[in-house]
Amino acid sequence: MSNYLLSTKMFLVFVTAFVLVSCEGPVGPTGPAGADGVNIVGEVFEIEGDFNQAGNFGVSGEYGFDILESDKVLIYRLAGLDQDSNDIWRLIPQVVFHSNGIFTYDYDFTFYDYAIFLNGDFDLNTLESGYTDSQVFRVLIVPADRIDVRMDYSDHDAVLEMLGVEEKDITRRVLN
């Protein structure tokens, strides 16, 4: 008799599982309407500035437009040119090993301004002008809805492409 009860219970379990898996519920409510025809793109601009003791080895500025607190700000430093005279952009923070010690180009940002600064383990006044004068940076504002955690943000060209920004559209601001 116990085999009969076990078989009946197993049959009921399989029938219940089949019924639950094969059932469909009502279609859920329609989601909120999107912004038809609106293409959200990132903002990109260049800045040029000098790092010196008077400016506490930093440069800063405001964006000049509104961004959301959830947007991401990326800053790249123009590190030089390649063999074909193309710009080489390096994502900061960037560590530099100098004969006097180690220093970094670093930055912080809020939703209304940014600051780029040098940090070092030696007297930054001893840095050659190639590290401090007329430094060029690109500030990229990545809208929160475009942030992809799988993207390699150190690939400057890929980030520009994702943002839909072309080189010809990037303006430069001179600070200091």
C-alpha atoms as a PDB file:
ATOM      1  CA  MET A   1       0.000   0.000   0.000  1.00  0.00           C
ATOM      2  CA  SER A   2       2.874   2.391   0.671  1.00  0.00           C
ATOM      3  CA  ASN A   3       4.084   2.001  -2.938  1.00  0.00           C
ATOM      4  CA  TYR A   4       0.627   3.003  -4.150  1.00  0.00           C
ATOM      5  CA  LEU A   5       0.660   6.175  -1.976  1.00  0.00           C
ATOM      6  CA  LEU A   6       4.181   7.042  -3.112  1.00  0.00           C
ATOM      7  CA  SER A   7       3.209   6.590  -6.765  1.00  0.00           C
ATOM      8  CA  THR A   8       0.089   8.730  -6.319  1.00  0.00           C
ATOM      9  CA  LYS A   9       2.070  11.491  -4.610  1.00  0.00           C
ATOM     10  CA  MET A  10       4.709  11.448  -7.358  1.00  0.00           C
ATOM     11  CA  PHE A  11       1.975  11.615 -10.013  1.00  0.00           C
ATOM     12  CA  LEU A  12       0.379  14.623  -8.289  1.00  0.00           C
ATOM     13  CA  VAL A  13       3.762  16.382  -7.994  1.00  0.00           C
ATOM     14  CA  PHE A  14       4.434  15.930 -11.729  1.00  0.00           C
ATOM     15  CA  VAL A  15       0.934  17.066 -12.722  1.00  0.00           C
ATOM     16  CA  THR A  16       1.196  20.140 -10.482  1.00  0.00           C
ATOM     17  CA  ALA A  17       4.641  21.005 -11.866  1.00  0.00           C
ATOM     18  CA  PHE A  18       3.374  20.581 -15.451  1.00  0.00           C
ATOM     19  CA  VAL A  19       0.347  22.805 -14.822  1.00  0.00           C
ATOM     20  CA  LEU A  20       2.419  25.532 -13.152  1.00  0.00           C
ATOM     21  CA  VAL A  21       5.068  25.555 -15.889  1.00  0.00           C
ATOM     22  CA  SER A  22       2.589  25.592 -18.758  1.00  0.00           C
ATOM     23  CA  CYS A  23       0.366  28.372 -17.386  1.00  0.00           C
ATOM     24  CA  GLU A  24       0.613  31.930 -18.603  1.00  0.00           C
ATOM     25  CA  GLY A  25      -0.574  34.895 -16.658  1.00  0.00           C
ATOM     26  CA  PRO A  26      -2.085  38.092 -17.989  1.00  0.00           C
ATOM     27  CA  VAL A  27       0.144  40.525 -19.875  1.00  0.00           C
ATOM     28  CA  GLY A  28       1.561  43.146 -17.531  1.00  0.00           C
ATOM     29  CA  PRO A  29       0.922  46.866 -17.837  1.00  0.00           C
ATOM     30  CA  THR A  30       2.678  48.857 -20.520  1.00  0.00           C
ATOM     31  CA  GLY A  31       5.823  50.618 -19.279  1.00  0.00           C
ATOM     32  CA  PRO A  32       6.277  54.376 -19.313  1.00  0.00           C
ATOM     33  CA  ALA A  33       6.678  55.958 -22.705  1.00  0.00           C
ATOM     34  CA  GLY A  34      10.255  56.698 -23.720  1.00  0.00           C
ATOM     35  CA  ALA A  35      11.583  59.912 -25.187  1.00  0.00           C
ATOM     36  CA  ASP A  36      11.064  59.218 -28.889  1.00  0.00           C
ATOM     37  CA  GLY A  37      13.770  60.641 -31.111  1.00  0.00           C
ATOM     38  CA  VAL A  38      15.993  61.780 -28.240  1.00  0.00           C
ATOM     39  CA  ASN A  39      19.584  60.650 -28.580  1.00  0.00           C
ATOM     40  CA  ILE A  40      21.426  61.073 -25.303  1.00  0.00           C
ATOM     41  CA  VAL A  41      25.079  61.767 -26.062  1.00  0.00           C
ATOM     42  CA  GLY A  42      27.990  62.545 -23.835  1.00  0.00           C
ATOM     43  CA  GLU A  43      29.775  65.851 -23.621  1.00  0.00           C
ATOM     44  CA  VAL A  44      33.477  66.092 -24.400  1.00  0.00           C
ATOM     45  CA  PHE A  45      35.824  69.052 -24.168  1.00  0.00           C
ATOM     46  CA  GLU A  46      39.555  69.651 -23.819  1.00  0.00           C
ATOM     47  CA  ILE A  47      41.286  71.799 -21.266  1.00  0.00           C
ATOM     48  CA  GLU A  48      44.836  73.118 -21.213  1.00  0.00           C
ATOM     49  CA  GLY A  49      46.513  74.293 -18.057  1.00  0.00           C
ATOM     50  CA  ASP A  50      49.726  74.680 -16.098  1.00  0.00           C
ATOM     51  CA  PHE A  51      50.554  72.888 -12.859  1.00  0.00           C
ATOM     52  CA  ASN A  52      52.519  75.090 -10.476  1.00  0.00           C
ATOM     53  CA  GLN A  53      52.902  75.918  -6.823  1.00  0.00           C
ATOM     54  CA  ALA A  54      50.650  78.993  -7.129  1.00  0.00           C
ATOM     55  CA  GLY A  55      47.780  76.734  -8.242  1.00  0.00           C
ATOM     56  CA  ASN A  56      48.655  74.058  -5.672  1.00  0.00           C
ATOM     57  CA  PHE A  57      49.717  71.870  -8.624  1.00  0.00           C
ATOM     58  CA  GLY A  58      46.153  71.622  -9.876  1.00  0.00           C
ATOM     59  CA  VAL A  59      43.698  73.024 -12.385  1.00  0.00           C
ATOM     60  CA  SER A  60      39.935  73.093 -12.016  1.00  0.00           C
ATOM     61  CA  GLY A  61      36.839  74.353 -13.686  1.00  0.00           C
ATOM     62  CA  GLU A  62      33.115  74.050 -14.143  1.00  0.00           C
ATOM     63  CA  TYR A  63      31.538  72.139 -17.007  1.00  0.00           C
ATOM     64  CA  GLY A  64      29.443  75.041 -18.253  1.00  0.00           C
ATOM     65  CA  PHE A  65      26.391  72.794 -18.569  1.00  0.00           C
ATOM     66  CA  ASP A  66      24.345  70.564 -16.296  1.00  0.00           C
ATOM     67  CA  ILE A  67      25.159  66.927 -15.704  1.00  0.00           C
ATOM     68  CA  LEU A  68      23.386  64.427 -13.501  1.00  0.00           C
ATOM     69  CA  GLU A  69      24.915  63.281 -10.244  1.00  0.00           C
ATOM     70  CA  SER A  70      24.738  59.740 -11.640  1.00  0.00           C
ATOM     71  CA  ASP A  71      26.809  60.568 -14.747  1.00  0.00           C
ATOM     72  CA  LYS A  72      30.419  59.406 -14.905  1.00  0.00           C
ATOM     73  CA  VAL A  73      33.310  61.778 -15.625  1.00  0.00           C
ATOM     74  CA  LEU A  74      36.427  60.413 -17.306  1.00  0.00           C
ATOM     75  CA  ILE A  75      39.560  62.487 -17.845  1.00  0.00           C
ATOM     76  CA  TYR A  76      42.363  61.614 -20.245  1.00  0.00           C
ATOM     77  CA  ARG A  77      45.808  63.245 -20.495  1.00  0.00           C
ATOM     78  CA  LEU A  78      47.475  63.913 -23.848  1.00  0.00           C
ATOM     79  CA  ALA A  79      50.647  61.861 -23.404  1.00  0.00           C
ATOM     80  CA  GLY A  80      52.229  62.513 -26.790  1.00  0.00           C
ATOM     81  CA  LEU A  81      51.997  61.395 -30.408  1.00  0.00           C
ATOM     82  CA  ASP A  82      52.420  57.982 -31.994  1.00  0.00           C
ATOM     83  CA  GLN A  83      54.585  57.248 -35.072  1.00  0.00           C
ATOM     84  CA  ASP A  84      51.739  58.436 -37.346  1.00  0.00           C
ATOM     85  CA  SER A  85      51.332  61.737 -35.424  1.00  0.00           C
ATOM     86  CA  ASN A  86      48.064  60.611 -33.802  1.00  0.00           C
ATOM     87  CA  ASP A  87      47.308  61.787 -30.275  1.00  0.00           C
ATOM     88  CA  ILE A  88      47.971  59.323 -27.466  1.00  0.00           C
ATOM     89  CA  TRP A  89      45.374  59.739 -24.697  1.00  0.00           C
ATOM     90  CA  ARG A  90      45.875  58.063 -21.316  1.00  0.00           C
ATOM     91  CA  LEU A  91      43.107  57.704 -18.767  1.00  0.00           C
ATOM     92  CA  ILE A  92      43.961  59.263 -15.424  1.00  0.00           C
ATOM     93  CA  PRO A  93      44.764  58.604 -12.671  1.00  0.00           C
ATOM     94  CA  GLN A  94      48.143  58.046 -14.282  1.00  0.00           C
ATOM     95  CA  VAL A  95      51.238  57.043 -12.319  1.00  0.00           C
ATOM     96  CA  VAL A  96      54.550  58.497 -13.507  1.00  0.00           C
ATOM     97  CA  PHE A  97      57.899  57.076 -12.409  1.00  0.00           C
ATOM     98  CA  HIS A  98      60.275  60.035 -12.345  1.00  0.00           C
ATOM     99  CA  SER A  99      63.962  60.102 -11.396  1.00  0.00           C
ATOM    100  CA  ASN A 100      62.988  62.101  -8.258  1.00  0.00           C
ATOM    101  CA  GLY A 101      60.262  59.647  -7.230  1.00  0.00           C
ATOM    102  CA  ILE A 102      56.692  58.761  -8.131  1.00  0.00           C
ATOM    103  CA  PHE A 103      53.888  61.192  -8.919  1.00  0.00           C
ATOM    104  CA  THR A 104      50.391  60.926 -10.333  1.00  0.00           C
ATOM    105  CA  TYR A 105      48.024  62.949 -12.440  1.00  0.00           C
ATOM    106  CA  ASP A 106      44.726  62.500 -10.636  1.00  0.00           C
ATOM    107  CA  TYR A 107      41.274  64.078 -10.557  1.00  0.00           C
ATOM    108  CA  ASP A 108      38.010  64.354  -8.739  1.00  0.00           C
ATOM    109  CA  PHE A 109      34.637  65.660  -9.811  1.00  0.00           C
ATOM    110  CA  THR A 110      31.158  66.614  -8.714  1.00  0.00           C
ATOM    111  CA  PHE A 111      28.094  67.138 -10.852  1.00  0.00           C
ATOM    112  CA  TYR A 112      29.050  70.807 -11.362  1.00  0.00           C
ATOM    113  CA  ASP A 113      32.893  70.931 -11.451  1.00  0.00           C
ATOM    114  CA  TYR A 114      36.140  68.982 -11.753  1.00  0.00           C
ATOM    115  CA  ALA A 115      39.707  69.287 -10.471  1.00  0.00           C
ATOM    116  CA  ILE A 116      42.881  67.762 -11.937  1.00  0.00           C
ATOM    117  CA  PHE A 117      45.940  67.702  -9.706  1.00  0.00           C
ATOM    118  CA  LEU A 118      49.395  66.257  -9.184  1.00  0.00           C
ATOM    119  CA  ASN A 119      50.313  64.135  -6.170  1.00  0.00           C
ATOM    120  CA  GLY A 120      53.895  63.115  -5.526  1.00  0.00           C
ATOM    121  CA  ASP A 121      56.317  61.764  -2.970  1.00  0.00           C
ATOM    122  CA  PHE A 122      58.862  64.523  -3.712  1.00  0.00           C
ATOM    123  CA  ASP A 123      58.952  68.297  -4.256  1.00  0.00           C
ATOM    124  CA  LEU A 124      56.813  68.849  -7.364  1.00  0.00           C
ATOM    125  CA  ASN A 125      58.628  72.153  -7.999  1.00  0.00           C
ATOM    126  CA  THR A 126      61.506  70.041  -9.317  1.00  0.00           C
ATOM    127  CA  LEU A 127      59.427  68.617 -12.197  1.00  0.00           C
ATOM    128  CA  GLU A 128      60.478  69.544 -15.716  1.00  0.00           C
ATOM    129  CA  SER A 129      58.111  71.814 -17.668  1.00  0.00           C
ATOM    130  CA  GLY A 130      57.128  68.920 -19.942  1.00  0.00           C
ATOM    131  CA  TYR A 131      55.177  67.476 -17.011  1.00  0.00           C
ATOM    132  CA  THR A 132      53.653  70.728 -15.773  1.00  0.00           C
ATOM    133  CA  ASP A 133      53.280  73.368 -18.506  1.00  0.00           C
ATOM    134  CA  SER A 134      50.535  73.473 -21.135  1.00  0.00           C
ATOM    135  CA  GLN A 135      49.145  70.070 -20.171  1.00  0.00           C
ATOM    136  CA  VAL A 136      46.137  69.011 -22.265  1.00  0.00           C
ATOM    137  CA  PHE A 137      43.293  66.898 -20.896  1.00  0.00           C
ATOM    138  CA  ARG A 138      40.010  65.639 -22.300  1.00  0.00           C
ATOM    139  CA  VAL A 139      36.997  65.624 -20.039  1.00  0.00           C
ATOM    140  CA  LEU A 140      34.342  63.089 -21.081  1.00  0.00           C
ATOM    141  CA  ILE A 141      30.915  63.091 -19.477  1.00  0.00           C
ATOM    142  CA  VAL A 142      29.340  59.640 -19.811  1.00  0.00           C
ATOM    143  CA  PRO A 143      25.557  59.742 -19.245  1.00  0.00           C
ATOM    144  CA  ALA A 144      24.395  57.261 -16.617  1.00  0.00           C
ATOM    145  CA  ASP A 145      22.272  55.375 -19.151  1.00  0.00           C
ATOM    146  CA  ARG A 146      25.364  54.768 -21.346  1.00  0.00           C
ATOM    147  CA  ILE A 147      27.615  53.361 -18.614  1.00  0.00           C
ATOM    148  CA  ASP A 148      28.637  49.796 -19.403  1.00  0.00           C
ATOM    149  CA  VAL A 149      30.653  48.063 -16.700  1.00  0.00           C
ATOM    150  CA  ARG A 150      32.166  45.714 -19.280  1.00  0.00           C
ATOM    151  CA  MET A 151      33.667  48.508 -21.394  1.00  0.00           C
ATOM    152  CA  ASP A 152      37.400  49.228 -21.335  1.00  0.00           C
ATOM    153  CA  TYR A 153      37.323  52.939 -20.467  1.00  0.00           C
ATOM    154  CA  SER A 154      41.074  53.232 -21.021  1.00  0.00           C
ATOM    155  CA  ASP A 155      40.330  52.885 -24.775  1.00  0.00           C
ATOM    156  CA  HIS A 156      39.781  56.571 -25.507  1.00  0.00           C
ATOM    157  CA  ASP A 157      38.654  56.035 -29.117  1.00  0.00           C
ATOM    158  CA  ALA A 158      36.093  53.387 -28.122  1.00  0.00           C
ATOM    159  CA  VAL A 159      34.600  55.689 -25.479  1.00  0.00           C
ATOM    160  CA  LEU A 160      34.318  58.545 -27.997  1.00  0.00           C
ATOM    161  CA  GLU A 161      32.625  56.188 -30.455  1.00  0.00           C
ATOM    162  CA  MET A 162      30.208  54.962 -27.772  1.00  0.00           C
ATOM    163  CA  LEU A 163      29.351  58.580 -26.948  1.00  0.00           C
ATOM    164  CA  GLY A 164      28.860  59.456 -30.609  1.00  0.00           C
ATOM    165  CA  VAL A 165      31.437  62.264 -30.437  1.00  0.00           C
ATOM    166  CA  GLU A 166      33.759  63.098 -33.331  1.00  0.00           C
ATOM    167  CA  GLU A 167      37.171  64.763 -33.032  1.00  0.00           C
ATOM    168  CA  LYS A 168      36.035  67.823 -34.998  1.00  0.00           C
ATOM    169  CA  ASP A 169      33.351  68.550 -32.383  1.00  0.00           C
ATOM    170  CA  ILE A 170      35.732  68.745 -29.405  1.00  0.00           C
ATOM    171  CA  THR A 171      36.553  72.263 -28.185  1.00  0.00           C
ATOM    172  CA  ARG A 172      39.526  73.326 -26.053  1.00  0.00           C
ATOM    173  CA  ARG A 173      39.454  75.659 -23.043  1.00  0.00           C
ATOM    174  CA  VAL A 174      42.656  77.239 -21.746  1.00  0.00           C
ATOM    175  CA  LEU A 175      42.780  77.491 -17.954  1.00  0.00           C
ATOM    176  CA  ASN A 176      44.968  79.666 -15.682  1.00  0.00           C
END
